[in-house]
Amino acid sequence: MSNLITETITEPQQASKFLFDLLDENKESLGIGFLGLDERLKPEYPAVVVLSGGKQKELHHTHVFLVSMEVLIMVYHARLDNSHTQRTKEDLELVTNIENTIETGEMNFNGAVVFAFIQQTAPITGAARMNDAVVGTQMLVAIESRKGFPYGP
């Protein structure tokens, strides 16, 4: 995680980029065939696409917002014509390894956020390309950060 950004992250796009870079640094050891950022193309499996999600702000302290963000990680493991047993085992192992990579250390993106963790995983099926149905897992990353009020001159 040495080349990853360490400034405060307060936007979902920044969080997505951080997670993309983290997964990219570990792509080979995780066994990811394709890694994308905010895109739909999945040319090889297993494919992982990191998508920016929503953001919510609320007053936290005097002159400070609590910023809650979400990032989706779409893990497309295999075509539906692969055996169900093999597909399920490999998919669960990959998802667990991605979760362990993200939830490492203090789980704060090198101090760039207050806290980040995998809040939810859910199975997905869909079409990657015409006549090419795939199966995988959607991972929801919950991220909490703080942002000070902007002050004018």
Protein backbone atom coordinates (compact mmCIF):
# COMPACT_ATOMS: atom_id res chain seq x y z
CA MET A 1 0.00 0.00 0.00
CA SER A 2 3.02 2.25 -0.31
CA ASN A 3 1.98 4.08 -3.50
CA LEU A 4 -1.60 4.72 -2.40
CA ILE A 5 -2.92 8.22 -1.71
CA THR A 6 -3.01 9.35 1.90
CA GLU A 7 -4.84 12.72 1.74
CA THR A 8 -8.29 12.79 3.29
CA ILE A 9 -10.90 11.08 1.12
CA THR A 10 -14.32 12.78 1.14
CA GLU A 11 -15.76 11.82 -2.27
CA PRO A 12 -16.86 8.38 -3.53
CA GLN A 13 -14.73 8.80 -6.66
CA GLN A 14 -11.62 9.25 -4.49
CA ALA A 15 -12.53 6.15 -2.46
CA SER A 16 -13.12 4.16 -5.67
CA LYS A 17 -9.72 5.18 -6.99
CA PHE A 18 -8.05 4.20 -3.70
CA LEU A 19 -9.71 0.76 -3.76
CA PHE A 20 -8.89 0.33 -7.46
CA ASP A 21 -5.20 1.11 -6.75
CA LEU A 22 -5.18 -1.24 -3.75
CA LEU A 23 -6.64 -4.10 -5.79
CA ASP A 24 -4.33 -3.28 -8.71
CA GLU A 25 -1.28 -3.61 -6.42
CA ASN A 26 -2.59 -7.04 -5.35
CA LYS A 27 -4.13 -8.10 -8.69
CA GLU A 28 -1.70 -10.91 -9.39
CA SER A 29 -1.79 -12.46 -5.91
CA LEU A 30 -5.60 -12.24 -5.85
CA GLY A 31 -5.84 -13.89 -9.28
CA ILE A 32 -7.86 -11.10 -10.91
CA GLY A 33 -7.95 -11.38 -14.71
CA PHE A 34 -9.43 -7.93 -15.38
CA LEU A 35 -9.71 -4.90 -13.10
CA GLY A 36 -11.81 -1.89 -14.09
CA LEU A 37 -12.77 1.45 -12.56
CA ASP A 38 -16.30 2.77 -13.25
CA GLU A 39 -16.64 0.71 -16.42
CA ARG A 40 -18.74 -2.19 -17.65
CA LEU A 41 -16.36 -4.10 -19.89
CA LYS A 42 -15.37 -7.49 -18.50
CA PRO A 43 -13.14 -9.11 -21.13
CA GLU A 44 -11.68 -11.91 -18.99
CA TYR A 45 -12.53 -13.74 -15.78
CA PRO A 46 -12.30 -13.35 -12.92
CA ALA A 47 -13.12 -9.69 -13.45
CA VAL A 48 -13.46 -7.03 -10.78
CA VAL A 49 -15.06 -3.64 -11.43
CA VAL A 50 -14.92 -0.87 -8.81
CA LEU A 51 -17.90 1.54 -8.99
CA SER A 52 -18.40 4.84 -7.18
CA GLY A 53 -21.52 4.81 -5.01
CA GLY A 54 -23.49 7.30 -2.97
CA LYS A 55 -22.49 9.91 -0.41
CA GLN A 56 -24.26 11.39 2.58
CA LYS A 57 -23.15 14.24 4.88
CA GLU A 58 -24.37 15.19 8.32
CA LEU A 59 -23.20 17.59 11.00
CA HIS A 60 -20.77 15.80 13.26
CA HIS A 61 -19.06 18.38 15.46
CA THR A 62 -18.71 22.12 15.34
CA HIS A 63 -17.61 22.94 11.79
CA VAL A 64 -17.19 19.28 10.83
CA PHE A 65 -19.24 17.01 8.58
CA LEU A 66 -19.39 13.24 8.92
CA VAL A 67 -19.19 11.95 5.34
CA SER A 68 -20.58 8.47 4.65
CA MET A 69 -19.72 6.95 1.28
CA GLU A 70 -20.31 3.71 -0.54
CA VAL A 71 -18.27 1.94 -3.19
CA LEU A 72 -19.46 -1.16 -5.03
CA ILE A 73 -17.03 -3.86 -6.00
CA MET A 74 -18.51 -6.16 -8.62
CA VAL A 75 -16.71 -9.50 -8.76
CA TYR A 76 -17.55 -11.42 -11.95
CA HIS A 77 -16.10 -14.83 -11.46
CA ALA A 78 -17.21 -17.14 -14.23
CA ARG A 79 -19.54 -17.93 -17.06
CA LEU A 80 -22.74 -19.71 -16.09
CA ASP A 81 -21.69 -22.79 -18.07
CA ASN A 82 -18.93 -23.58 -15.51
CA SER A 83 -19.96 -26.16 -12.92
CA HIS A 84 -21.91 -24.73 -10.00
CA THR A 85 -19.72 -26.35 -7.32
CA GLN A 86 -16.46 -25.13 -8.84
CA ARG A 87 -17.86 -21.67 -9.57
CA THR A 88 -19.20 -21.19 -6.03
CA LYS A 89 -15.98 -22.32 -4.32
CA GLU A 90 -13.72 -20.13 -6.48
CA ASP A 91 -16.03 -17.13 -6.21
CA LEU A 92 -16.22 -17.31 -2.43
CA GLU A 93 -12.45 -17.66 -2.12
CA LEU A 94 -11.85 -14.63 -4.35
CA VAL A 95 -14.41 -12.51 -2.47
CA THR A 96 -12.90 -13.51 0.88
CA ASN A 97 -9.41 -12.63 -0.35
CA ILE A 98 -10.59 -9.22 -1.63
CA GLU A 99 -12.33 -8.58 1.71
CA ASN A 100 -9.16 -9.51 3.62
CA THR A 101 -7.10 -7.19 1.40
CA ILE A 102 -9.43 -4.24 2.05
CA GLU A 103 -9.92 -4.94 5.76
CA THR A 104 -6.24 -4.99 6.58
CA GLY A 105 -4.47 -3.04 9.30
CA GLU A 106 -6.50 -0.25 10.82
CA MET A 107 -9.06 -0.35 7.96
CA ASN A 108 -8.70 3.40 7.36
CA PHE A 109 -7.06 3.59 3.91
CA ASN A 110 -3.68 4.62 5.39
CA GLY A 111 -5.37 7.32 7.49
CA ALA A 112 -7.27 8.86 4.54
CA VAL A 113 -10.66 7.95 6.10
CA VAL A 114 -11.95 7.27 9.61
CA PHE A 115 -13.07 3.71 8.88
CA ALA A 116 -13.82 1.43 5.92
CA PHE A 117 -15.16 -2.11 5.79
CA ILE A 118 -17.13 -4.55 3.64
CA GLN A 119 -20.68 -3.98 4.85
CA GLN A 120 -22.46 -6.49 2.63
CA THR A 121 -21.95 -9.11 -0.05
CA ALA A 122 -24.66 -10.49 -2.32
CA PRO A 123 -24.68 -12.94 -5.24
CA ILE A 124 -25.29 -11.55 -8.73
CA THR A 125 -25.94 -12.94 -12.20
CA GLY A 126 -25.99 -10.92 -15.36
CA ALA A 127 -24.89 -10.57 -18.94
CA ALA A 128 -21.35 -9.44 -19.61
CA ARG A 129 -21.78 -9.45 -23.36
CA MET A 130 -24.41 -10.77 -25.70
CA ASN A 131 -25.08 -14.49 -24.99
CA ASP A 132 -22.44 -14.52 -22.24
CA ALA A 133 -24.13 -14.83 -18.82
CA VAL A 134 -21.85 -14.53 -15.80
CA VAL A 135 -22.12 -15.09 -12.07
CA GLY A 136 -20.42 -13.26 -9.26
CA THR A 137 -20.72 -11.23 -6.08
CA GLN A 138 -21.51 -7.60 -5.34
CA MET A 139 -19.50 -6.22 -2.42
CA LEU A 140 -20.62 -3.02 -0.68
CA VAL A 141 -17.79 -1.06 0.94
CA ALA A 142 -18.97 1.36 3.65
CA ILE A 143 -16.63 4.30 4.28
CA GLU A 144 -16.76 6.99 6.96
CA SER A 145 -14.73 10.18 6.74
CA ARG A 146 -14.75 13.74 8.10
CA LYS A 147 -14.68 17.04 6.26
CA GLY A 148 -14.22 20.47 7.80
CA PHE A 149 -16.45 23.36 6.83
CA PRO A 150 -15.02 25.45 4.01
CA TYR A 151 -14.08 28.94 5.13
CA GLY A 152 -13.98 31.95 2.83
CA PRO A 153 -11.66 34.92 3.17
